[in-house]
C-alpha atoms as a PDB file:
ATOM      1  CA  MET A   1       0.131  -0.026   0.170  1.00  0.00           C
ATOM      2  CA  LEU A   2       2.830   2.609   1.064  1.00  0.00           C
ATOM      3  CA  SER A   3       4.856   1.401  -1.651  1.00  0.00           C
ATOM      4  CA  SER A   4       2.073   2.339  -4.067  1.00  0.00           C
ATOM      5  CA  LEU A   5       1.408   5.446  -2.562  1.00  0.00           C
ATOM      6  CA  GLN A   6       4.915   6.997  -2.750  1.00  0.00           C
ATOM      7  CA  LYS A   7       4.894   6.355  -6.782  1.00  0.00           C
ATOM      8  CA  LEU A   8       2.005   9.065  -6.883  1.00  0.00           C
ATOM      9  CA  PRO A   9       2.399  12.779  -7.311  1.00  0.00           C
ATOM     10  CA  TYR A  10       2.685  14.432  -4.115  1.00  0.00           C
ATOM     11  CA  GLY A  11      -0.652  16.660  -4.606  1.00  0.00           C
ATOM     12  CA  PHE A  12      -2.664  13.255  -5.190  1.00  0.00           C
ATOM     13  CA  VAL A  13      -1.477  11.411  -1.975  1.00  0.00           C
ATOM     14  CA  ALA A  14      -2.194  14.686   0.056  1.00  0.00           C
ATOM     15  CA  ALA A  15      -5.879  14.916  -1.633  1.00  0.00           C
ATOM     16  CA  LEU A  16      -6.486  11.276  -0.561  1.00  0.00           C
ATOM     17  CA  THR A  17      -5.170  11.702   2.921  1.00  0.00           C
ATOM     18  CA  GLY A  18      -6.459  15.038   3.714  1.00  0.00           C
ATOM     19  CA  VAL A  19     -10.174  14.433   2.782  1.00  0.00           C
ATOM     20  CA  MET A  20     -12.464  12.248   4.523  1.00  0.00           C
ATOM     21  CA  ALA A  21     -16.052  11.995   2.853  1.00  0.00           C
ATOM     22  CA  PHE A  22     -19.113  10.377   2.959  1.00  0.00           C
ATOM     23  CA  PRO A  23     -20.472   9.228  -0.039  1.00  0.00           C
ATOM     24  CA  LEU A  24     -23.296  11.076  -1.872  1.00  0.00           C
ATOM     25  CA  PRO A  25     -26.955  10.071  -1.187  1.00  0.00           C
ATOM     26  CA  SER A  26     -28.335   7.441  -3.435  1.00  0.00           C
ATOM     27  CA  GLN A  27     -31.835   7.101  -4.828  1.00  0.00           C
ATOM     28  CA  ALA A  28     -34.193   6.065  -2.397  1.00  0.00           C
ATOM     29  CA  ALA A  29     -35.592   2.211  -2.517  1.00  0.00           C
ATOM     30  CA  ASP A  30     -38.103   1.265  -4.959  1.00  0.00           C
ATOM     31  CA  GLN A  31     -41.823   1.932  -3.609  1.00  0.00           C
ATOM     32  CA  GLY A  32     -42.817  -1.812  -3.527  1.00  0.00           C
ATOM     33  CA  GLU A  33     -39.767  -3.311  -1.670  1.00  0.00           C
ATOM     34  CA  GLN A  34     -39.397  -4.060   1.974  1.00  0.00           C
ATOM     35  CA  PRO A  35     -39.501  -1.006   4.291  1.00  0.00           C
ATOM     36  CA  ALA A  36     -36.331   0.396   5.454  1.00  0.00           C
ATOM     37  CA  ALA A  37     -34.830   3.725   6.297  1.00  0.00           C
ATOM     38  CA  GLY A  38     -32.295   6.341   4.556  1.00  0.00           C
ATOM     39  CA  VAL A  39     -29.849   9.341   5.224  1.00  0.00           C
ATOM     40  CA  THR A  40     -28.672  12.347   4.580  1.00  0.00           C
ATOM     41  CA  THR A  41     -24.960  12.696   3.895  1.00  0.00           C
ATOM     42  CA  GLU A  42     -22.741  15.335   3.599  1.00  0.00           C
ATOM     43  CA  THR A  43     -19.130  15.847   2.263  1.00  0.00           C
ATOM     44  CA  LEU A  44     -16.700  16.072   5.035  1.00  0.00           C
ATOM     45  CA  THR A  45     -13.105  18.236   4.502  1.00  0.00           C
ATOM     46  CA  SER A  46     -10.394  18.538   6.615  1.00  0.00           C
ATOM     47  CA  GLU A  47      -9.328  22.166   7.004  1.00  0.00           C
ATOM     48  CA  PRO A  48      -6.377  23.076   4.827  1.00  0.00           C
ATOM     49  CA  ALA A  49      -3.119  22.607   6.109  1.00  0.00           C
ATOM     50  CA  GLU A  50      -1.503  25.851   7.063  1.00  0.00           C
ATOM     51  CA  THR A  51       2.245  26.442   5.797  1.00  0.00           C
ATOM     52  CA  ALA A  52       4.819  25.806   8.307  1.00  0.00           C
ATOM     53  CA  ALA A  53       7.135  28.518   9.307  1.00  0.00           C
ATOM     54  CA  PRO A  54      10.674  27.894   9.384  1.00  0.00           C
ATOM     55  CA  PRO A  55      12.565  26.865  12.793  1.00  0.00           C
ATOM     56  CA  ALA A  56      14.127  29.794  14.152  1.00  0.00           C
ATOM     57  CA  ALA A  57      17.685  30.138  14.712  1.00  0.00           C
ATOM     58  CA  ALA A  58      18.962  28.315  17.881  1.00  0.00           C
ATOM     59  CA  ASP A  59      20.455  30.957  20.247  1.00  0.00           C
ATOM     60  CA  ASP A  60      23.961  30.485  20.760  1.00  0.00           C
ATOM     61  CA  ASP A  61      24.244  31.346  24.595  1.00  0.00           C
ATOM     62  CA  ASP A  62      20.941  29.173  25.768  1.00  0.00           C
ATOM     63  CA  GLY A  63      21.015  26.343  23.174  1.00  0.00           C
ATOM     64  CA  ALA A  64      18.085  24.982  21.220  1.00  0.00           C
ATOM     65  CA  ASP A  65      15.042  25.377  22.664  1.00  0.00           C
ATOM     66  CA  GLU A  66      13.419  21.966  23.643  1.00  0.00           C
ATOM     67  CA  PRO A  67      10.293  20.793  21.903  1.00  0.00           C
ATOM     68  CA  ALA A  68       6.853  21.410  24.072  1.00  0.00           C
ATOM     69  CA  PRO A  69       5.789  18.302  25.400  1.00  0.00           C
ATOM     70  CA  ALA A  70       2.393  16.905  23.847  1.00  0.00           C
ATOM     71  CA  PRO A  71      -0.401  17.332  25.895  1.00  0.00           C
ATOM     72  CA  ALA A  72      -1.279  14.410  28.189  1.00  0.00           C
ATOM     73  CA  THR A  73      -4.603  12.929  27.414  1.00  0.00           C
ATOM     74  CA  SER A  74      -6.868  12.390  30.138  1.00  0.00           C
ATOM     75  CA  GLU A  75      -8.388   9.120  31.488  1.00  0.00           C
ATOM     76  CA  ALA A  76     -11.832  10.724  30.725  1.00  0.00           C
ATOM     77  CA  GLU A  77     -10.721  11.657  27.297  1.00  0.00           C
ATOM     78  CA  ALA A  78      -9.003   8.380  26.206  1.00  0.00           C
ATOM     79  CA  GLU A  79     -12.329   6.264  27.553  1.00  0.00           C
ATOM     80  CA  GLU A  80     -14.352   8.777  25.495  1.00  0.00           C
ATOM     81  CA  ASN A  81     -12.021   8.411  22.050  1.00  0.00           C
ATOM     82  CA  ASP A  82     -12.198   4.551  22.903  1.00  0.00           C
ATOM     83  CA  GLY A  83     -15.861   4.460  22.524  1.00  0.00           C
ATOM     84  CA  ARG A  84     -16.311   6.528  19.270  1.00  0.00           C
ATOM     85  CA  ALA A  85     -16.751   4.421  16.327  1.00  0.00           C
ATOM     86  CA  ASP A  86     -14.227   4.910  13.633  1.00  0.00           C
ATOM     87  CA  SER A  87     -14.756   6.602  10.252  1.00  0.00           C
ATOM     88  CA  CYS A  88     -14.997   3.580   8.113  1.00  0.00           C
ATOM     89  CA  LEU A  89     -18.122   2.126  10.733  1.00  0.00           C
ATOM     90  CA  VAL A  90     -19.852   5.836  10.454  1.00  0.00           C
ATOM     91  CA  GLN A  91     -19.285   5.582   6.537  1.00  0.00           C
ATOM     92  CA  THR A  92     -20.727   2.003   6.196  1.00  0.00           C
ATOM     93  CA  ILE A  93     -23.922   2.844   8.307  1.00  0.00           C
ATOM     94  CA  CYS A  94     -24.629   5.986   6.335  1.00  0.00           C
ATOM     95  CA  ALA A  95     -24.171   4.174   2.991  1.00  0.00           C
ATOM     96  CA  VAL A  96     -26.192   1.156   3.647  1.00  0.00           C
ATOM     97  CA  LYS A  97     -28.907   3.234   5.318  1.00  0.00           C
ATOM     98  CA  GLN A  98     -29.468   5.286   2.261  1.00  0.00           C
ATOM     99  CA  LYS A  99     -29.463   2.424   0.143  1.00  0.00           C
ATOM    100  CA  ILE A 100     -32.122   0.242   1.770  1.00  0.00           C
ATOM    101  CA  ARG A 101     -34.461   3.111   3.217  1.00  0.00           C
ATOM    102  CA  TRP A 102     -38.081   3.170   2.286  1.00  0.00           C
ATOM    103  CA  GLN A 103     -40.723   5.916   3.229  1.00  0.00           C
ATOM    104  CA  THR A 104     -38.615   6.701   6.295  1.00  0.00           C
ATOM    105  CA  PRO A 105     -36.961   9.871   7.406  1.00  0.00           C
ATOM    106  CA  ALA A 106     -33.259  10.037   6.341  1.00  0.00           C
ATOM    107  CA  TRP A 107     -30.498   9.932   9.273  1.00  0.00           C
ATOM    108  CA  THR A 108     -28.079  12.841   9.217  1.00  0.00           C
ATOM    109  CA  PRO A 109     -24.420  12.257   9.922  1.00  0.00           C
ATOM    110  CA  ALA A 110     -24.499  13.271  13.425  1.00  0.00           C
ATOM    111  CA  GLN A 111     -27.221  10.132  13.844  1.00  0.00           C
ATOM    112  CA  CYS A 112     -25.254   7.850  11.625  1.00  0.00           C
ATOM    113  CA  GLN A 113     -22.320   8.711  14.080  1.00  0.00           C
ATOM    114  CA  SER A 114     -24.385   8.136  17.163  1.00  0.00           C
ATOM    115  CA  ILE A 115     -25.469   4.711  15.885  1.00  0.00           C
ATOM    116  CA  ALA A 116     -22.044   4.019  15.071  1.00  0.00           C
ATOM    117  CA  ASP A 117     -20.564   4.721  18.346  1.00  0.00           C
ATOM    118  CA  ALA A 118     -23.701   2.765  20.274  1.00  0.00           C
ATOM    119  CA  VAL A 119     -22.753  -0.225  17.656  1.00  0.00           C
ATOM    120  CA  ALA A 120     -18.823   0.207  18.539  1.00  0.00           C
ATOM    121  CA  GLU A 121     -19.185   0.208  22.399  1.00  0.00           C
ATOM    122  CA  SER A 122     -21.731  -2.698  22.427  1.00  0.00           C
ATOM    123  CA  ALA A 123     -19.651  -4.958  20.292  1.00  0.00           C
ATOM    124  CA  LYS A 124     -16.745  -4.300  22.171  1.00  0.00           C
ATOM    125  CA  ARG A 125     -18.453  -4.952  25.537  1.00  0.00           C
ATOM    126  CA  TYR A 126     -19.662  -8.071  24.701  1.00  0.00           C
ATOM    127  CA  ASP A 127     -17.247  -9.540  22.465  1.00  0.00           C
ATOM    128  CA  LEU A 128     -19.352  -9.334  19.201  1.00  0.00           C
ATOM    129  CA  SER A 129     -18.476  -8.167  15.317  1.00  0.00           C
ATOM    130  CA  PRO A 130     -20.178  -4.568  14.561  1.00  0.00           C
ATOM    131  CA  THR A 131     -20.693  -6.429  11.461  1.00  0.00           C
ATOM    132  CA  LEU A 132     -22.911  -8.943  13.046  1.00  0.00           C
ATOM    133  CA  LEU A 133     -25.018  -6.148  15.064  1.00  0.00           C
ATOM    134  CA  LEU A 134     -25.640  -4.607  11.951  1.00  0.00           C
ATOM    135  CA  ALA A 135     -26.491  -7.432   9.956  1.00  0.00           C
ATOM    136  CA  ILE A 136     -29.499  -8.167  12.616  1.00  0.00           C
ATOM    137  CA  MET A 137     -30.334  -4.766  12.932  1.00  0.00           C
ATOM    138  CA  ILE A 138     -30.969  -4.586   8.834  1.00  0.00           C
ATOM    139  CA  ASN A 139     -32.648  -7.844   8.957  1.00  0.00           C
ATOM    140  CA  GLU A 140     -34.899  -6.954  12.130  1.00  0.00           C
ATOM    141  CA  SER A 141     -35.944  -3.464  11.551  1.00  0.00           C
ATOM    142  CA  ASP A 142     -34.270  -2.493   8.004  1.00  0.00           C
ATOM    143  CA  MET A 143     -32.372   0.203  10.243  1.00  0.00           C
ATOM    144  CA  ASN A 144     -35.392   1.752  11.017  1.00  0.00           C
ATOM    145  CA  GLU A 145     -35.438   3.135  14.584  1.00  0.00           C
ATOM    146  CA  LYS A 146     -38.922   3.995  14.991  1.00  0.00           C
ATOM    147  CA  ALA A 147     -40.396   0.201  13.688  1.00  0.00           C
ATOM    148  CA  PHE A 148     -42.431  -1.722  16.321  1.00  0.00           C
ATOM    149  CA  ARG A 149     -45.098  -4.070  16.544  1.00  0.00           C
ATOM    150  CA  VAL A 150     -47.881  -5.185  18.937  1.00  0.00           C
ATOM    151  CA  SER A 151     -48.807  -8.399  20.397  1.00  0.00           C
ATOM    152  CA  THR A 152     -52.294  -8.722  21.885  1.00  0.00           C
ATOM    153  CA  ARG A 153     -53.948 -11.364  24.312  1.00  0.00           C
ATOM    154  CA  ALA A 154     -57.796 -11.254  24.786  1.00  0.00           C
ATOM    155  CA  GLY A 155     -57.700  -8.067  23.064  1.00  0.00           C
ATOM    156  CA  LYS A 156     -55.180  -6.320  25.582  1.00  0.00           C
ATOM    157  CA  VAL A 157     -51.654  -5.349  24.596  1.00  0.00           C
ATOM    158  CA  TYR A 158     -49.131  -8.065  25.912  1.00  0.00           C
ATOM    159  CA  ALA A 159     -46.043  -7.463  24.261  1.00  0.00           C
ATOM    160  CA  LYS A 160     -44.225  -5.263  21.968  1.00  0.00           C
ATOM    161  CA  ASP A 161     -41.480  -5.751  19.814  1.00  0.00           C
ATOM    162  CA  GLY A 162     -39.310  -2.460  18.391  1.00  0.00           C
ATOM    163  CA  GLY A 163     -36.517  -0.598  17.344  1.00  0.00           C
ATOM    164  CA  LEU A 164     -33.416  -1.243  15.574  1.00  0.00           C
ATOM    165  CA  MET A 165     -33.004  -4.723  16.971  1.00  0.00           C
ATOM    166  CA  ALA A 166     -36.624  -5.431  17.626  1.00  0.00           C
ATOM    167  CA  ILE A 167     -36.319  -6.106  21.043  1.00  0.00           C
ATOM    168  CA  ARG A 168     -39.464  -7.753  22.674  1.00  0.00           C
ATOM    169  CA  CYS A 169     -40.834  -6.378  25.981  1.00  0.00           C
ATOM    170  CA  VAL A 170     -43.497  -7.977  27.698  1.00  0.00           C
ATOM    171  CA  LEU A 171     -45.366  -5.227  29.100  1.00  0.00           C
ATOM    172  CA  ASP A 172     -46.651  -4.801  33.085  1.00  0.00           C
ATOM    173  CA  ARG A 173     -49.124  -2.290  33.826  1.00  0.00           C
ATOM    174  CA  LYS A 174     -46.391   0.378  33.879  1.00  0.00           C
ATOM    175  CA  ASP A 175     -45.390  -0.215  30.540  1.00  0.00           C
ATOM    176  CA  ARG A 176     -42.021  -1.635  31.945  1.00  0.00           C
ATOM    177  CA  CYS A 177     -40.590  -5.073  30.166  1.00  0.00           C
ATOM    178  CA  VAL A 178     -41.109  -7.889  32.459  1.00  0.00           C
ATOM    179  CA  ASN A 179     -39.083 -10.711  30.341  1.00  0.00           C
ATOM    180  CA  GLY A 180     -35.673 -12.087  30.224  1.00  0.00           C
ATOM    181  CA  ASN A 181     -32.707  -9.802  29.558  1.00  0.00           C
ATOM    182  CA  VAL A 182     -34.480  -6.483  29.548  1.00  0.00           C
ATOM    183  CA  ARG A 183     -36.505  -6.788  32.743  1.00  0.00           C
ATOM    184  CA  GLY A 184     -37.161  -3.417  34.252  1.00  0.00           C
ATOM    185  CA  MET A 185     -36.405  -1.575  31.038  1.00  0.00           C
ATOM    186  CA  SER A 186     -39.175   0.938  30.024  1.00  0.00           C
ATOM    187  CA  TRP A 187     -40.682   0.887  26.669  1.00  0.00           C
ATOM    188  CA  LYS A 188     -39.394   4.226  26.335  1.00  0.00           C
ATOM    189  CA  GLN A 189     -35.861   2.882  27.097  1.00  0.00           C
ATOM    190  CA  VAL A 190     -36.176   0.022  24.875  1.00  0.00           C
ATOM    191  CA  MET A 191     -37.038   2.420  21.933  1.00  0.00           C
ATOM    192  CA  ASP A 192     -33.876   4.837  22.508  1.00  0.00           C
ATOM    193  CA  PRO A 193     -31.610   3.386  19.574  1.00  0.00           C
ATOM    194  CA  ALA A 194     -28.567   3.391  21.759  1.00  0.00           C
ATOM    195  CA  SER A 195     -30.357   1.345  24.535  1.00  0.00           C
ATOM    196  CA  ASN A 196     -31.996  -0.900  21.983  1.00  0.00           C
ATOM    197  CA  ILE A 197     -28.745  -1.605  20.622  1.00  0.00           C
ATOM    198  CA  GLU A 198     -27.195  -2.465  23.556  1.00  0.00           C
ATOM    199  CA  ALA A 199     -30.158  -4.547  24.515  1.00  0.00           C
ATOM    200  CA  GLY A 200     -29.923  -6.542  21.322  1.00  0.00           C
ATOM    201  CA  ALA A 201     -25.907  -7.147  22.003  1.00  0.00           C
ATOM    202  CA  ARG A 202     -26.653  -7.996  25.604  1.00  0.00           C
ATOM    203  CA  GLU A 203     -29.216 -10.935  24.308  1.00  0.00           C
ATOM    204  CA  LEU A 204     -26.997 -12.165  21.577  1.00  0.00           C
ATOM    205  CA  ALA A 205     -24.085 -12.741  23.886  1.00  0.00           C
ATOM    206  CA  TYR A 206     -26.265 -14.546  26.567  1.00  0.00           C
ATOM    207  CA  TRP A 207     -27.660 -17.016  23.449  1.00  0.00           C
ATOM    208  CA  ARG A 208     -24.136 -17.535  22.260  1.00  0.00           C
ATOM    209  CA  ASP A 209     -22.803 -18.117  25.956  1.00  0.00           C
ATOM    210  CA  VAL A 210     -25.272 -19.941  27.985  1.00  0.00           C
ATOM    211  CA  GLY A 211     -28.795 -19.711  26.838  1.00  0.00           C
ATOM    212  CA  GLY A 212     -29.401 -22.107  24.165  1.00  0.00           C
ATOM    213  CA  VAL A 213     -30.797 -25.681  25.058  1.00  0.00           C
ATOM    214  CA  ALA A 214     -30.669 -28.889  23.272  1.00  0.00           C
ATOM    215  CA  SER A 215     -32.424 -32.166  24.147  1.00  0.00           C
ATOM    216  CA  ARG A 216     -30.327 -35.643  23.684  1.00  0.00           C
ATOM    217  CA  THR A 217     -31.397 -38.907  24.232  1.00  0.00           C
ATOM    218  CA  VAL A 218     -29.739 -41.415  26.808  1.00  0.00           C
ATOM    219  CA  ARG A 219     -30.004 -45.097  26.725  1.00  0.00           C
ATOM    220  CA  ARG A 220     -30.056 -46.934  30.250  1.00  0.00           C
ATOM    221  CA  ARG A 221     -28.462 -49.891  31.124  1.00  0.00           C
ATOM    222  CA  ASP A 222     -31.825 -51.802  30.796  1.00  0.00           C
ATOM    223  CA  GLY A 223     -32.389 -50.537  27.242  1.00  0.00           C
ATOM    224  CA  THR A 224     -34.582 -48.080  28.041  1.00  0.00           C
ATOM    225  CA  GLU A 225     -34.214 -44.523  26.523  1.00  0.00           C
ATOM    226  CA  ILE A 226     -35.057 -41.143  28.206  1.00  0.00           C
ATOM    227  CA  THR A 227     -34.511 -37.434  26.783  1.00  0.00           C
ATOM    228  CA  LYS A 228     -32.675 -35.129  28.695  1.00  0.00           C
ATOM    229  CA  ASN A 229     -32.055 -31.426  27.962  1.00  0.00           C
ATOM    230  CA  GLY A 230     -28.704 -29.729  28.411  1.00  0.00           C
ATOM    231  CA  PRO A 231     -26.777 -26.891  26.792  1.00  0.00           C
ATOM    232  CA  CYS A 232     -26.940 -26.287  23.281  1.00  0.00           C
ATOM    233  CA  HIS A 233     -23.456 -26.326  21.696  1.00  0.00           C
ATOM    234  CA  HIS A 234     -24.635 -25.164  18.173  1.00  0.00           C
ATOM    235  CA  LEU A 235     -23.144 -27.989  16.252  1.00  0.00           C
ATOM    236  CA  THR A 236     -25.673 -27.697  12.819  1.00  0.00           C
ATOM    237  CA  HIS A 237     -26.221 -24.008  13.552  1.00  0.00           C
ATOM    238  CA  ALA A 238     -24.700 -20.383  14.625  1.00  0.00           C
ATOM    239  CA  TRP A 239     -25.489 -19.312  17.584  1.00  0.00           C
ATOM    240  CA  TRP A 240     -27.225 -16.394  16.707  1.00  0.00           C
ATOM    241  CA  ALA A 241     -30.003 -18.725  15.305  1.00  0.00           C
ATOM    242  CA  HIS A 242     -31.285 -18.511  19.083  1.00  0.00           C
ATOM    243  CA  TYR A 243     -31.818 -14.347  18.570  1.00  0.00           C
ATOM    244  CA  ASN A 244     -35.056 -15.416  16.707  1.00  0.00           C
ATOM    245  CA  HIS A 245     -35.905 -19.081  17.690  1.00  0.00           C
ATOM    246  CA  GLY A 246     -35.425 -18.620  21.307  1.00  0.00           C
ATOM    247  CA  PRO A 247     -33.944 -21.316  23.765  1.00  0.00           C
ATOM    248  CA  ARG A 248     -34.360 -24.337  21.354  1.00  0.00           C
ATOM    249  CA  TYR A 249     -32.930 -24.307  17.571  1.00  0.00           C
ATOM    250  CA  ILE A 250     -35.874 -24.581  15.077  1.00  0.00           C
ATOM    251  CA  ASP A 251     -34.469 -27.301  12.287  1.00  0.00           C
ATOM    252  CA  LYS A 252     -37.580 -27.311  10.101  1.00  0.00           C
ATOM    253  CA  GLY A 253     -39.674 -24.949   7.967  1.00  0.00           C
ATOM    254  CA  TYR A 254     -38.654 -21.222   6.912  1.00  0.00           C
ATOM    255  CA  PRO A 255     -37.009 -20.389  10.516  1.00  0.00           C
ATOM    256  CA  ARG A 256     -34.231 -23.036  10.221  1.00  0.00           C
ATOM    257  CA  HIS A 257     -32.128 -21.110   7.782  1.00  0.00           C
ATOM    258  CA  TYR A 258     -32.318 -17.790   9.827  1.00  0.00           C
ATOM    259  CA  PRO A 259     -28.752 -18.038  10.869  1.00  0.00           C
ATOM    260  CA  HIS A 260     -27.852 -17.953   7.034  1.00  0.00           C
ATOM    261  CA  ARG A 261     -29.974 -14.891   6.167  1.00  0.00           C
ATOM    262  CA  ILE A 262     -27.966 -13.172   8.739  1.00  0.00           C
ATOM    263  CA  ALA A 263     -24.888 -14.456   7.902  1.00  0.00           C
ATOM    264  CA  VAL A 264     -24.894 -13.496   4.078  1.00  0.00           C
ATOM    265  CA  LEU A 265     -25.427  -9.967   5.382  1.00  0.00           C
ATOM    266  CA  ASP A 266     -22.718 -10.054   7.844  1.00  0.00           C
ATOM    267  CA  HIS A 267     -20.335 -11.346   5.037  1.00  0.00           C
ATOM    268  CA  ALA A 268     -21.438  -8.509   2.594  1.00  0.00           C
ATOM    269  CA  LEU A 269     -20.660  -5.685   5.131  1.00  0.00           C
ATOM    270  CA  ALA A 270     -17.478  -7.129   6.206  1.00  0.00           C
ATOM    271  CA  THR A 271     -16.658  -7.274   2.639  1.00  0.00           C
ATOM    272  CA  VAL A 272     -17.159  -3.365   2.024  1.00  0.00           C
ATOM    273  CA  MET A 273     -15.568  -2.729   5.659  1.00  0.00           C
ATOM    274  CA  ASN A 274     -12.585  -4.556   4.717  1.00  0.00           C
ATOM    275  CA  THR A 275     -12.780  -6.354   8.210  1.00  0.00           C
ATOM    276  CA  ASP A 276     -12.968  -9.811   9.659  1.00  0.00           C
ATOM    277  CA  ALA A 277     -15.965 -11.551  10.853  1.00  0.00           C
ATOM    278  CA  PRO A 278     -14.799 -14.357  12.752  1.00  0.00           C
ATOM    279  CA  GLU A 279     -18.257 -15.883  13.822  1.00  0.00           C
ATOM    280  CA  LEU A 280     -18.628 -16.697  10.298  1.00  0.00           C
ATOM    281  CA  ASN A 281     -15.716 -19.285  10.504  1.00  0.00           C
ATOM    282  CA  ARG A 282     -18.036 -22.185  11.387  1.00  0.00           C
ATOM    283  CA  ARG A 283     -20.969 -24.211  10.496  1.00  0.00           C
ATOM    284  CA  ILE A 284     -23.851 -21.304   9.754  1.00  0.00           C
ATOM    285  CA  THR A 285     -26.985 -23.638   9.211  1.00  0.00           C
ATOM    286  CA  ILE A 286     -28.337 -27.040   8.907  1.00  0.00           C
ATOM    287  CA  HIS A 287     -27.707 -28.856   5.891  1.00  0.00           C
ATOM    288  CA  ASP A 288     -30.888 -29.988   3.744  1.00  0.00           C
ATOM    289  CA  PRO A 289     -30.525 -33.163   2.312  1.00  0.00           C
ATOM    290  CA  SER A 290     -29.598 -33.412  -1.675  1.00  0.00           C
ATOM    291  CA  LYS A 291     -29.291 -29.789  -1.844  1.00  0.00           C
ATOM    292  CA  ARG A 292     -26.264 -27.802  -2.029  1.00  0.00           C
ATOM    293  CA  GLU A 293     -24.629 -26.453   1.225  1.00  0.00           C
ATOM    294  CA  ARG A 294     -25.633 -22.877   1.935  1.00  0.00           C
ATOM    295  CA  SER A 295     -22.569 -20.248   1.884  1.00  0.00           C
ATOM    296  CA  ILE A 296     -22.052 -16.905   3.341  1.00  0.00           C
ATOM    297  CA  ASP A 297     -21.627 -15.551  -0.275  1.00  0.00           C
ATOM    298  CA  ARG A 298     -24.830 -16.846  -1.807  1.00  0.00           C
ATOM    299  CA  PRO A 299     -28.154 -15.445  -0.316  1.00  0.00           C
ATOM    300  CA  LEU A 300     -31.261 -17.474  -1.906  1.00  0.00           C
ATOM    301  CA  GLU A 301     -34.336 -15.617  -0.621  1.00  0.00           C
ATOM    302  CA  GLN A 302     -35.329 -12.626  -2.883  1.00  0.00           C
ATOM    303  CA  ARG A 303     -35.244 -10.164   0.055  1.00  0.00           C
ATOM    304  CA  PHE A 304     -31.941 -11.312   1.020  1.00  0.00           C
ATOM    305  CA  LYS A 305     -30.477 -11.026  -2.798  1.00  0.00           C
ATOM    306  CA  LYS A 306     -31.350  -7.592  -2.900  1.00  0.00           C
ATOM    307  CA  LEU A 307     -30.202  -6.831   0.470  1.00  0.00           C
ATOM    308  CA  TYR A 308     -26.701  -8.244  -0.402  1.00  0.00           C
ATOM    309  CA  ASN A 309     -26.351  -6.648  -3.310  1.00  0.00           C
ATOM    310  CA  GLN A 310     -27.548  -3.215  -1.872  1.00  0.00           C
ATOM    311  CA  ILE A 311     -24.767  -3.430   0.834  1.00  0.00           C
ATOM    312  CA  LEU A 312     -21.896  -4.416  -1.634  1.00  0.00           C
ATOM    313  CA  SER A 313     -22.874  -1.728  -3.955  1.00  0.00           C
ATOM    314  CA  SER A 314     -22.476   0.729  -1.266  1.00  0.00           C
ATOM    315  CA  SER A 315     -19.489   2.811  -0.936  1.00  0.00           C
ATOM    316  CA  SER A 316     -16.808   0.564   0.557  1.00  0.00           C
ATOM    317  CA  CYS A 317     -14.219   1.902   2.971  1.00  0.00           C
ATOM    318  CA  SER A 318     -10.662   1.946   0.869  1.00  0.00           C
ATOM    319  CA  ALA A 319      -7.896   0.162   2.263  1.00  0.00           C
ATOM    320  CA  LEU A 320      -6.175   3.627   2.818  1.00  0.00           C
ATOM    321  CA  ALA A 321      -9.019   4.387   5.166  1.00  0.00           C
ATOM    322  CA  VAL A 322      -8.877   1.702   6.961  1.00  0.00           C
ATOM    323  CA  LEU A 323      -4.932   2.180   7.382  1.00  0.00           C
ATOM    324  CA  LEU A 324      -5.551   5.864   8.519  1.00  0.00           C
ATOM    325  CA  ASN A 325      -7.696   4.434  11.171  1.00  0.00           C
END
């Protein structure tokens, strides 16, 4: 990379390294497709560098001046910077949001930064890939932070699923969640984008580490068989299947390939971001007899073919941008 840059004219290299821009807005998605959301993007440029003044001559009596020490970064500043997303993640979120949005308000660059910061912080806290969080966000809500669905029982609201990560909240009379890992959260908190992303990451980590349940048949000495429940080791499927399925993996019908549908989006995002997605280096979904094995670079359902191509056609982070980050 650097050797190639050295061969370029100085002005061209300076232009590359001196400007960081979000992609120009694309056309909104066609009206008949899946609902999604978009973003307004602006070109961001760095301030022109001032011409450096020539160094002052050293004083023969006092000797050369010592260079001023760089200001120390406080712990608070270091912690704040550590939680901010890099420009590649922000750029990708803006570009993909613009590609898939449908009849929803655009995100501003500031909103893209806020969402990216929440994704980066939650991914780090729960040891997840940012691309996996984004893939689930795209699948569950089409990146629409206001999306929600109401479930009723006996004519009364029983639960709501909402936000970027489609968090389920079984409600009590005070509009608070009483279920699982979101117990105690208010519906207003659930619909806050940053809280919603954090809750989704916490849920993913739970299913990865301890939440899954699997049954196995045990033969007794007398020849009889019994069924025992134990932890799921995710041998036939990726662990994020449980984000949709719950404790037990559903190995029949349309739901069985949920992990593959997430994986193809994860793969596309990792491709445009020039980053790794280590969770994809494993078995993704159950194999259908007499059919070709599903792979992360081959979406099969029509909606996911379109989303996959929309992600890949969004502006990718250049290798230079990744290096500078």
